[in-house]
Amino acid sequence: MTPTQKKLLRFFEQLEENQQEMLLAFAEFLHGRLPVKAPQTLQPIPRPPQESVIRAIKRLSATYPMLDQSRLLNETSTRMTAHLLEGQSAESVIDELEVFFQNEFEQWSSGKST
């Protein structure tokens, strides 16, 4: 253990339980603000035959982990609705999702993602 870690542990042990919880909550907050280390290269996962739309979304999310999932939610939901409620084929929805994810990645990699 480093001297800094020992010092932090010593301080932590001297605190009351509610103060320890506050310190842990603050540490978790700080940890959550760390920059996400996104892979510099894609790790494409091959598209299997007869893939479902849900599995395609999971596959594409794994292929593009650097993309903000909250930004992708609206479009993926819209495509899922087109498939489930409007009868659009899984194959065409997956084709559209692949183009969408690729476009989002290109924006992200050029720094134009908003």
N, C-alpha and C. Protein backbone atom coordinates (compact mmCIF):
# COMPACT_ATOMS: atom_id res chain seq x y z
N MET A 1 0.85 -1.17 0.00
CA MET A 1 0.00 0.00 0.00
C MET A 1 0.90 1.24 0.00
N THR A 2 0.53 2.21 -0.80
CA THR A 2 1.31 3.44 -0.87
C THR A 2 1.07 4.30 0.37
N PRO A 3 1.97 5.25 0.64
CA PRO A 3 1.75 6.14 1.79
C PRO A 3 0.42 6.90 1.70
N THR A 4 0.05 7.30 0.52
CA THR A 4 -1.22 8.02 0.35
C THR A 4 -2.39 7.11 0.68
N GLN A 5 -2.35 5.87 0.23
CA GLN A 5 -3.42 4.93 0.53
C GLN A 5 -3.51 4.66 2.04
N LYS A 6 -2.35 4.53 2.70
CA LYS A 6 -2.33 4.30 4.14
C LYS A 6 -2.93 5.50 4.88
N LYS A 7 -2.59 6.69 4.43
CA LYS A 7 -3.10 7.91 5.05
C LYS A 7 -4.63 7.97 4.88
N LEU A 8 -5.11 7.68 3.69
CA LEU A 8 -6.54 7.70 3.44
C LEU A 8 -7.25 6.67 4.31
N LEU A 9 -6.70 5.48 4.42
CA LEU A 9 -7.30 4.44 5.25
C LEU A 9 -7.32 4.86 6.72
N ARG A 10 -6.26 5.48 7.18
CA ARG A 10 -6.18 5.95 8.57
C ARG A 10 -7.28 6.99 8.82
N PHE A 11 -7.43 7.94 7.90
CA PHE A 11 -8.49 8.94 8.03
C PHE A 11 -9.86 8.29 8.02
N PHE A 12 -10.05 7.36 7.08
CA PHE A 12 -11.33 6.68 6.93
C PHE A 12 -11.71 5.97 8.23
N GLU A 13 -10.76 5.28 8.83
CA GLU A 13 -11.04 4.51 10.05
C GLU A 13 -11.39 5.41 11.23
N GLN A 14 -10.96 6.67 11.21
CA GLN A 14 -11.23 7.60 12.30
C GLN A 14 -12.60 8.27 12.18
N LEU A 15 -13.23 8.13 11.03
CA LEU A 15 -14.53 8.76 10.81
C LEU A 15 -15.66 7.92 11.40
N GLU A 16 -16.76 8.61 11.71
CA GLU A 16 -17.97 7.90 12.13
C GLU A 16 -18.58 7.24 10.91
N GLU A 17 -19.48 6.28 11.14
CA GLU A 17 -20.04 5.48 10.04
C GLU A 17 -20.70 6.35 8.96
N ASN A 18 -21.49 7.33 9.37
CA ASN A 18 -22.15 8.17 8.36
C ASN A 18 -21.15 8.99 7.56
N GLN A 19 -20.06 9.39 8.20
CA GLN A 19 -19.01 10.13 7.49
C GLN A 19 -18.26 9.21 6.53
N GLN A 20 -18.06 7.96 6.93
CA GLN A 20 -17.44 6.98 6.03
C GLN A 20 -18.29 6.79 4.79
N GLU A 21 -19.62 6.70 4.99
CA GLU A 21 -20.52 6.55 3.85
C GLU A 21 -20.44 7.76 2.92
N MET A 22 -20.33 8.96 3.50
CA MET A 22 -20.21 10.17 2.69
C MET A 22 -18.90 10.16 1.89
N LEU A 23 -17.82 9.74 2.54
CA LEU A 23 -16.53 9.68 1.86
C LEU A 23 -16.57 8.66 0.72
N LEU A 24 -17.19 7.52 0.95
CA LEU A 24 -17.33 6.52 -0.11
C LEU A 24 -18.18 7.04 -1.25
N ALA A 25 -19.27 7.74 -0.92
CA ALA A 25 -20.13 8.31 -1.96
C ALA A 25 -19.35 9.33 -2.79
N PHE A 26 -18.53 10.14 -2.14
CA PHE A 26 -17.74 11.13 -2.86
C PHE A 26 -16.69 10.44 -3.75
N ALA A 27 -16.07 9.38 -3.23
CA ALA A 27 -15.10 8.64 -4.02
C ALA A 27 -15.76 8.01 -5.24
N GLU A 28 -16.97 7.48 -5.07
CA GLU A 28 -17.71 6.91 -6.20
C GLU A 28 -18.06 7.99 -7.21
N PHE A 29 -18.43 9.17 -6.72
CA PHE A 29 -18.72 10.29 -7.61
C PHE A 29 -17.49 10.66 -8.43
N LEU A 30 -16.36 10.78 -7.77
CA LEU A 30 -15.11 11.12 -8.48
C LEU A 30 -14.74 10.04 -9.47
N HIS A 31 -14.92 8.80 -9.09
CA HIS A 31 -14.60 7.68 -9.99
C HIS A 31 -15.48 7.73 -11.23
N GLY A 32 -16.74 8.09 -11.06
CA GLY A 32 -17.67 8.20 -12.18
C GLY A 32 -17.32 9.30 -13.16
N ARG A 33 -16.52 10.26 -12.73
CA ARG A 33 -16.12 11.36 -13.60
C ARG A 33 -14.86 11.07 -14.38
N LEU A 34 -14.25 9.91 -14.14
CA LEU A 34 -13.05 9.54 -14.88
C LEU A 34 -13.39 9.41 -16.36
N PRO A 35 -12.49 9.83 -17.24
CA PRO A 35 -12.78 9.67 -18.67
C PRO A 35 -12.83 8.19 -19.03
N VAL A 36 -13.77 7.87 -19.89
CA VAL A 36 -13.91 6.50 -20.37
C VAL A 36 -12.82 6.25 -21.40
N LYS A 37 -12.10 5.18 -21.21
CA LYS A 37 -11.06 4.83 -22.17
C LYS A 37 -11.68 3.98 -23.26
N ALA A 38 -11.95 4.62 -24.36
CA ALA A 38 -12.56 3.92 -25.48
C ALA A 38 -11.48 3.28 -26.34
N PRO A 39 -11.78 2.13 -26.89
CA PRO A 39 -10.81 1.49 -27.76
C PRO A 39 -10.53 2.38 -28.97
N GLN A 40 -9.30 2.39 -29.41
CA GLN A 40 -8.92 3.19 -30.56
C GLN A 40 -9.29 2.52 -31.87
N THR A 41 -9.44 1.23 -31.84
CA THR A 41 -9.84 0.51 -33.04
C THR A 41 -11.09 -0.29 -32.74
N LEU A 42 -11.90 -0.46 -33.75
CA LEU A 42 -13.12 -1.23 -33.59
C LEU A 42 -12.80 -2.72 -33.52
N GLN A 43 -13.64 -3.41 -32.81
CA GLN A 43 -13.56 -4.87 -32.75
C GLN A 43 -14.87 -5.41 -33.32
N PRO A 44 -15.02 -5.34 -34.65
CA PRO A 44 -16.30 -5.76 -35.24
C PRO A 44 -16.64 -7.20 -34.92
N ILE A 45 -17.89 -7.40 -34.60
CA ILE A 45 -18.41 -8.73 -34.34
C ILE A 45 -19.21 -9.12 -35.59
N PRO A 46 -18.88 -10.22 -36.21
CA PRO A 46 -19.58 -10.60 -37.44
C PRO A 46 -21.08 -10.77 -37.22
N ARG A 47 -21.83 -10.38 -38.23
CA ARG A 47 -23.29 -10.51 -38.17
C ARG A 47 -23.67 -11.96 -38.45
N PRO A 48 -24.30 -12.60 -37.47
CA PRO A 48 -24.69 -13.99 -37.69
C PRO A 48 -25.95 -14.07 -38.56
N PRO A 49 -26.17 -15.20 -39.20
CA PRO A 49 -27.40 -15.38 -39.97
C PRO A 49 -28.60 -15.43 -39.02
N GLN A 50 -29.73 -15.00 -39.48
CA GLN A 50 -30.98 -15.04 -38.71
C GLN A 50 -30.87 -14.32 -37.37
N GLU A 51 -30.20 -13.18 -37.36
CA GLU A 51 -30.04 -12.41 -36.12
C GLU A 51 -31.32 -11.64 -35.81
N SER A 52 -31.68 -11.58 -34.53
CA SER A 52 -32.83 -10.78 -34.12
C SER A 52 -32.39 -9.32 -33.99
N VAL A 53 -33.35 -8.42 -33.99
CA VAL A 53 -33.03 -6.99 -33.86
C VAL A 53 -32.40 -6.71 -32.50
N ILE A 54 -32.92 -7.33 -31.46
CA ILE A 54 -32.35 -7.12 -30.12
C ILE A 54 -30.90 -7.58 -30.06
N ARG A 55 -30.63 -8.74 -30.61
CA ARG A 55 -29.24 -9.24 -30.61
C ARG A 55 -28.34 -8.34 -31.47
N ALA A 56 -28.90 -7.80 -32.54
CA ALA A 56 -28.11 -6.89 -33.38
C ALA A 56 -27.74 -5.63 -32.61
N ILE A 57 -28.68 -5.11 -31.85
CA ILE A 57 -28.40 -3.91 -31.04
C ILE A 57 -27.31 -4.22 -30.02
N LYS A 58 -27.39 -5.38 -29.39
CA LYS A 58 -26.35 -5.78 -28.43
C LYS A 58 -25.00 -5.95 -29.13
N ARG A 59 -25.01 -6.55 -30.30
CA ARG A 59 -23.76 -6.76 -31.06
C ARG A 59 -23.15 -5.42 -31.46
N LEU A 60 -23.98 -4.52 -31.96
CA LEU A 60 -23.48 -3.22 -32.39
C LEU A 60 -23.01 -2.38 -31.20
N SER A 61 -23.69 -2.49 -30.08
CA SER A 61 -23.25 -1.78 -28.88
C SER A 61 -21.90 -2.30 -28.41
N ALA A 62 -21.67 -3.60 -28.54
CA ALA A 62 -20.38 -4.18 -28.17
C ALA A 62 -19.30 -3.80 -29.18
N THR A 63 -19.67 -3.66 -30.44
CA THR A 63 -18.71 -3.28 -31.48
C THR A 63 -18.30 -1.82 -31.31
N TYR A 64 -19.23 -0.98 -30.87
CA TYR A 64 -19.00 0.45 -30.72
C TYR A 64 -19.18 0.88 -29.26
N PRO A 65 -18.38 0.37 -28.33
CA PRO A 65 -18.58 0.69 -26.91
C PRO A 65 -18.28 2.15 -26.58
N MET A 66 -17.58 2.85 -27.47
CA MET A 66 -17.21 4.23 -27.20
C MET A 66 -18.38 5.19 -27.42
N LEU A 67 -19.44 4.75 -28.06
CA LEU A 67 -20.58 5.62 -28.34
C LEU A 67 -21.45 5.75 -27.11
N ASP A 68 -22.01 6.93 -26.93
CA ASP A 68 -22.89 7.23 -25.82
C ASP A 68 -24.22 6.51 -26.04
N GLN A 69 -24.50 5.53 -25.20
CA GLN A 69 -25.71 4.73 -25.36
C GLN A 69 -26.99 5.56 -25.27
N SER A 70 -26.97 6.62 -24.47
CA SER A 70 -28.17 7.45 -24.36
C SER A 70 -28.46 8.17 -25.67
N ARG A 71 -27.41 8.51 -26.43
CA ARG A 71 -27.60 9.14 -27.74
C ARG A 71 -28.18 8.15 -28.75
N LEU A 72 -27.92 6.88 -28.57
CA LEU A 72 -28.37 5.86 -29.50
C LEU A 72 -29.79 5.38 -29.21
N LEU A 73 -30.27 5.63 -28.01
CA LEU A 73 -31.53 5.07 -27.56
C LEU A 73 -32.71 5.43 -28.45
N ASN A 74 -32.85 6.68 -28.83
CA ASN A 74 -34.01 7.10 -29.62
C ASN A 74 -34.06 6.36 -30.96
N GLU A 75 -32.95 6.33 -31.68
CA GLU A 75 -32.94 5.69 -32.99
C GLU A 75 -33.13 4.18 -32.88
N THR A 76 -32.48 3.56 -31.91
CA THR A 76 -32.65 2.11 -31.77
C THR A 76 -34.09 1.78 -31.39
N SER A 77 -34.70 2.60 -30.55
CA SER A 77 -36.11 2.39 -30.18
C SER A 77 -37.02 2.56 -31.38
N THR A 78 -36.75 3.58 -32.19
CA THR A 78 -37.55 3.83 -33.39
C THR A 78 -37.46 2.64 -34.35
N ARG A 79 -36.26 2.13 -34.55
CA ARG A 79 -36.07 0.98 -35.44
C ARG A 79 -36.75 -0.27 -34.88
N MET A 80 -36.67 -0.46 -33.56
CA MET A 80 -37.31 -1.62 -32.93
C MET A 80 -38.82 -1.53 -33.11
N THR A 81 -39.37 -0.33 -32.95
CA THR A 81 -40.81 -0.12 -33.15
C THR A 81 -41.21 -0.42 -34.59
N ALA A 82 -40.39 0.03 -35.53
CA ALA A 82 -40.68 -0.24 -36.95
C ALA A 82 -40.74 -1.74 -37.21
N HIS A 83 -39.91 -2.47 -36.54
CA HIS A 83 -39.89 -3.92 -36.71
C HIS A 83 -41.09 -4.58 -36.03
N LEU A 84 -41.30 -4.26 -34.75
CA LEU A 84 -42.32 -4.94 -33.98
C LEU A 84 -43.75 -4.51 -34.32
N LEU A 85 -43.95 -3.22 -34.48
CA LEU A 85 -45.31 -2.72 -34.66
C LEU A 85 -45.69 -2.44 -36.11
N GLU A 86 -44.69 -2.12 -36.93
CA GLU A 86 -44.99 -1.77 -38.31
C GLU A 86 -44.66 -2.90 -39.28
N GLY A 87 -44.07 -3.96 -38.78
CA GLY A 87 -43.82 -5.14 -39.60
C GLY A 87 -42.60 -5.05 -40.51
N GLN A 88 -41.73 -4.09 -40.29
CA GLN A 88 -40.51 -4.02 -41.11
C GLN A 88 -39.64 -5.22 -40.78
N SER A 89 -39.04 -5.81 -41.79
CA SER A 89 -38.27 -7.04 -41.57
C SER A 89 -37.06 -6.79 -40.68
N ALA A 90 -36.69 -7.81 -39.93
CA ALA A 90 -35.52 -7.71 -39.06
C ALA A 90 -34.28 -7.40 -39.88
N GLU A 91 -34.16 -8.02 -41.02
CA GLU A 91 -32.98 -7.82 -41.86
C GLU A 91 -32.83 -6.35 -42.28
N SER A 92 -33.90 -5.72 -42.69
CA SER A 92 -33.80 -4.32 -43.13
C SER A 92 -33.57 -3.39 -41.94
N VAL A 93 -34.17 -3.69 -40.79
CA VAL A 93 -33.94 -2.87 -39.59
C VAL A 93 -32.49 -2.98 -39.16
N ILE A 94 -31.95 -4.18 -39.19
CA ILE A 94 -30.55 -4.39 -38.80
C ILE A 94 -29.62 -3.67 -39.78
N ASP A 95 -29.94 -3.72 -41.07
CA ASP A 95 -29.15 -2.97 -42.06
C ASP A 95 -29.13 -1.48 -41.71
N GLU A 96 -30.29 -0.95 -41.37
CA GLU A 96 -30.39 0.48 -41.01
C GLU A 96 -29.61 0.77 -39.74
N LEU A 97 -29.71 -0.12 -38.76
CA LEU A 97 -28.97 0.08 -37.51
C LEU A 97 -27.46 0.05 -37.74
N GLU A 98 -27.00 -0.83 -38.59
CA GLU A 98 -25.56 -0.88 -38.88
C GLU A 98 -25.08 0.42 -39.49
N VAL A 99 -25.86 0.98 -40.41
CA VAL A 99 -25.51 2.26 -41.02
C VAL A 99 -25.53 3.36 -39.96
N PHE A 100 -26.56 3.35 -39.13
CA PHE A 100 -26.68 4.35 -38.07
C PHE A 100 -25.49 4.31 -37.12
N PHE A 101 -25.14 3.12 -36.63
CA PHE A 101 -24.01 2.99 -35.71
C PHE A 101 -22.70 3.43 -36.39
N GLN A 102 -22.52 3.05 -37.63
CA GLN A 102 -21.31 3.45 -38.36
C GLN A 102 -21.24 4.97 -38.50
N ASN A 103 -22.36 5.61 -38.82
CA ASN A 103 -22.39 7.07 -38.94
C ASN A 103 -22.09 7.74 -37.60
N GLU A 104 -22.66 7.20 -36.52
CA GLU A 104 -22.40 7.75 -35.19
C GLU A 104 -20.92 7.60 -34.83
N PHE A 105 -20.34 6.46 -35.19
CA PHE A 105 -18.92 6.25 -34.92
C PHE A 105 -18.06 7.24 -35.70
N GLU A 106 -18.40 7.46 -36.95
CA GLU A 106 -17.64 8.42 -37.77
C GLU A 106 -17.73 9.82 -37.18
N GLN A 107 -18.91 10.21 -36.71
CA GLN A 107 -19.05 11.52 -36.05
C GLN A 107 -18.21 11.57 -34.78
N TRP A 108 -18.28 10.50 -33.99
CA TRP A 108 -17.52 10.44 -32.75
C TRP A 108 -16.03 10.54 -33.01
N SER A 109 -15.56 9.77 -33.99
CA SER A 109 -14.12 9.72 -34.25
C SER A 109 -13.60 11.02 -34.86
N SER A 110 -14.48 11.79 -35.50
CA SER A 110 -14.05 13.09 -36.04
C SER A 110 -14.25 14.20 -35.03
N GLY A 111 -14.79 13.87 -33.88
CA GLY A 111 -14.99 14.87 -32.82
C GLY A 111 -16.23 15.72 -33.02
N LYS A 112 -17.13 15.32 -33.92
CA LYS A 112 -18.32 16.12 -34.21
C LYS A 112 -19.55 15.61 -33.46
N SER A 113 -19.39 14.61 -32.60
CA SER A 113 -20.52 14.07 -31.86
C SER A 113 -20.98 15.09 -30.84
N THR A 114 -22.30 15.31 -30.82
CA THR A 114 -22.84 16.29 -29.88
C THR A 114 -23.69 15.65 -28.82
